[in-house]
Amino acid sequence: MPRARETSSTGGARRGGRRGADRARPRKYTRVNAEVVDYKDLNLLRRFLSDKGKTRGRRVTGLSRAHQRQLSVAVKRAREIALLPYVGER
């Protein structure tokens, strides 16, 4: 038996999905004016790393899926050739 759809008092907003999709979030990456994330650009890569050396998520950085993927590959390459540390300062 199908379940009745519940509506809230705020006008029937649904849960799940993308929240705030109609609101345009400014992208940090577009302010950099670069098409490809390069593993040799350490100032750019450090901007998207936390104090502990972890890559910040898309919700924090404001990057698109493709740019976030390029960022993660660039960070991994920079770590592999010892341009970036695997862990941050303790």
Protein backbone atom coordinates (compact mmCIF):
# COMPACT_ATOMS: atom_id res chain seq x y z
CA MET A 1 0.00 0.00 0.00
CA PRO A 2 1.54 3.37 -0.99
CA ARG A 3 2.46 5.69 1.79
CA ALA A 4 0.83 9.11 2.01
CA ARG A 5 3.25 11.95 1.36
CA GLU A 6 3.84 14.05 4.43
CA THR A 7 4.09 17.80 4.12
CA SER A 8 5.55 20.12 6.67
CA SER A 9 4.19 23.47 7.74
CA THR A 10 6.84 25.24 5.64
CA GLY A 11 5.06 24.64 2.39
CA GLY A 12 5.80 20.99 1.72
CA ALA A 13 9.57 21.04 1.46
CA ARG A 14 10.89 17.58 0.69
CA ARG A 15 13.78 15.99 2.54
CA GLY A 16 16.85 14.73 0.77
CA GLY A 17 18.19 15.74 -2.59
CA ARG A 18 20.23 18.84 -3.12
CA ARG A 19 19.63 21.53 -0.56
CA GLY A 20 19.86 25.10 -1.72
CA ALA A 21 20.28 24.09 -5.36
CA ASP A 22 18.57 27.26 -6.53
CA ARG A 23 21.10 29.40 -4.65
CA ALA A 24 24.29 30.01 -6.61
CA ARG A 25 27.31 29.27 -4.45
CA PRO A 26 30.47 31.13 -5.37
CA ARG A 27 33.20 28.79 -6.53
CA LYS A 28 36.66 29.26 -5.10
CA TYR A 29 38.17 27.48 -8.07
CA THR A 30 36.80 29.92 -10.63
CA ARG A 31 38.49 32.79 -8.78
CA VAL A 32 41.84 31.09 -9.41
CA ASN A 33 41.44 31.44 -13.20
CA ALA A 34 42.97 28.07 -14.07
CA GLU A 35 41.43 25.35 -16.22
CA VAL A 36 43.45 22.41 -14.92
CA VAL A 37 44.70 21.81 -11.38
CA ASP A 38 48.45 21.27 -11.60
CA TYR A 39 50.28 19.19 -9.00
CA LYS A 40 53.22 21.63 -9.09
CA ASP A 41 51.09 24.59 -7.99
CA LEU A 42 51.57 24.10 -4.24
CA ASN A 43 49.93 27.37 -3.17
CA LEU A 44 46.72 26.34 -4.90
CA LEU A 45 46.81 22.81 -3.46
CA ARG A 46 47.50 23.99 0.10
CA ARG A 47 44.44 26.23 -0.08
CA PHE A 48 42.23 23.13 -0.30
CA LEU A 49 43.99 21.12 2.43
CA SER A 50 43.15 21.22 6.13
CA ASP A 51 45.66 21.75 8.94
CA LYS A 52 46.01 18.00 9.33
CA GLY A 53 46.74 17.52 5.64
CA LYS A 54 43.33 16.19 4.63
CA THR A 55 41.61 17.28 1.44
CA ARG A 56 38.58 19.43 2.17
CA GLY A 57 35.24 18.24 0.83
CA ARG A 58 33.27 19.69 -2.06
CA ARG A 59 30.76 21.31 0.26
CA VAL A 60 33.57 23.26 1.92
CA THR A 61 35.66 24.08 -1.14
CA GLY A 62 32.77 24.85 -3.48
CA LEU A 63 34.40 22.98 -6.36
CA SER A 64 32.55 21.09 -9.04
CA ARG A 65 32.84 17.30 -9.21
CA ALA A 66 35.36 17.42 -12.04
CA HIS A 67 37.54 20.04 -10.37
CA GLN A 68 37.42 18.22 -7.02
CA ARG A 69 38.56 15.04 -8.77
CA GLN A 70 41.41 16.93 -10.46
CA LEU A 71 42.36 18.38 -7.08
CA SER A 72 42.51 14.97 -5.39
CA VAL A 73 44.66 13.51 -8.19
CA ALA A 74 46.99 16.53 -8.06
CA VAL A 75 47.36 16.25 -4.27
CA LYS A 76 48.13 12.53 -4.55
CA ARG A 77 50.77 13.18 -7.21
CA ALA A 78 52.36 15.98 -5.19
CA ARG A 79 52.51 13.73 -2.12
CA GLU A 80 54.02 10.88 -4.12
CA ILE A 81 56.97 13.00 -5.26
CA ALA A 82 57.33 14.63 -1.80
CA LEU A 83 56.11 18.13 -2.69
CA LEU A 84 53.38 17.85 -0.04
CA PRO A 85 53.45 15.90 3.23
CA TYR A 86 51.02 13.07 3.86
CA VAL A 87 50.19 14.45 7.31
CA GLY A 88 50.13 18.02 8.52
CA GLU A 89 51.98 19.71 11.35
CA ARG A 90 51.44 18.20 14.77
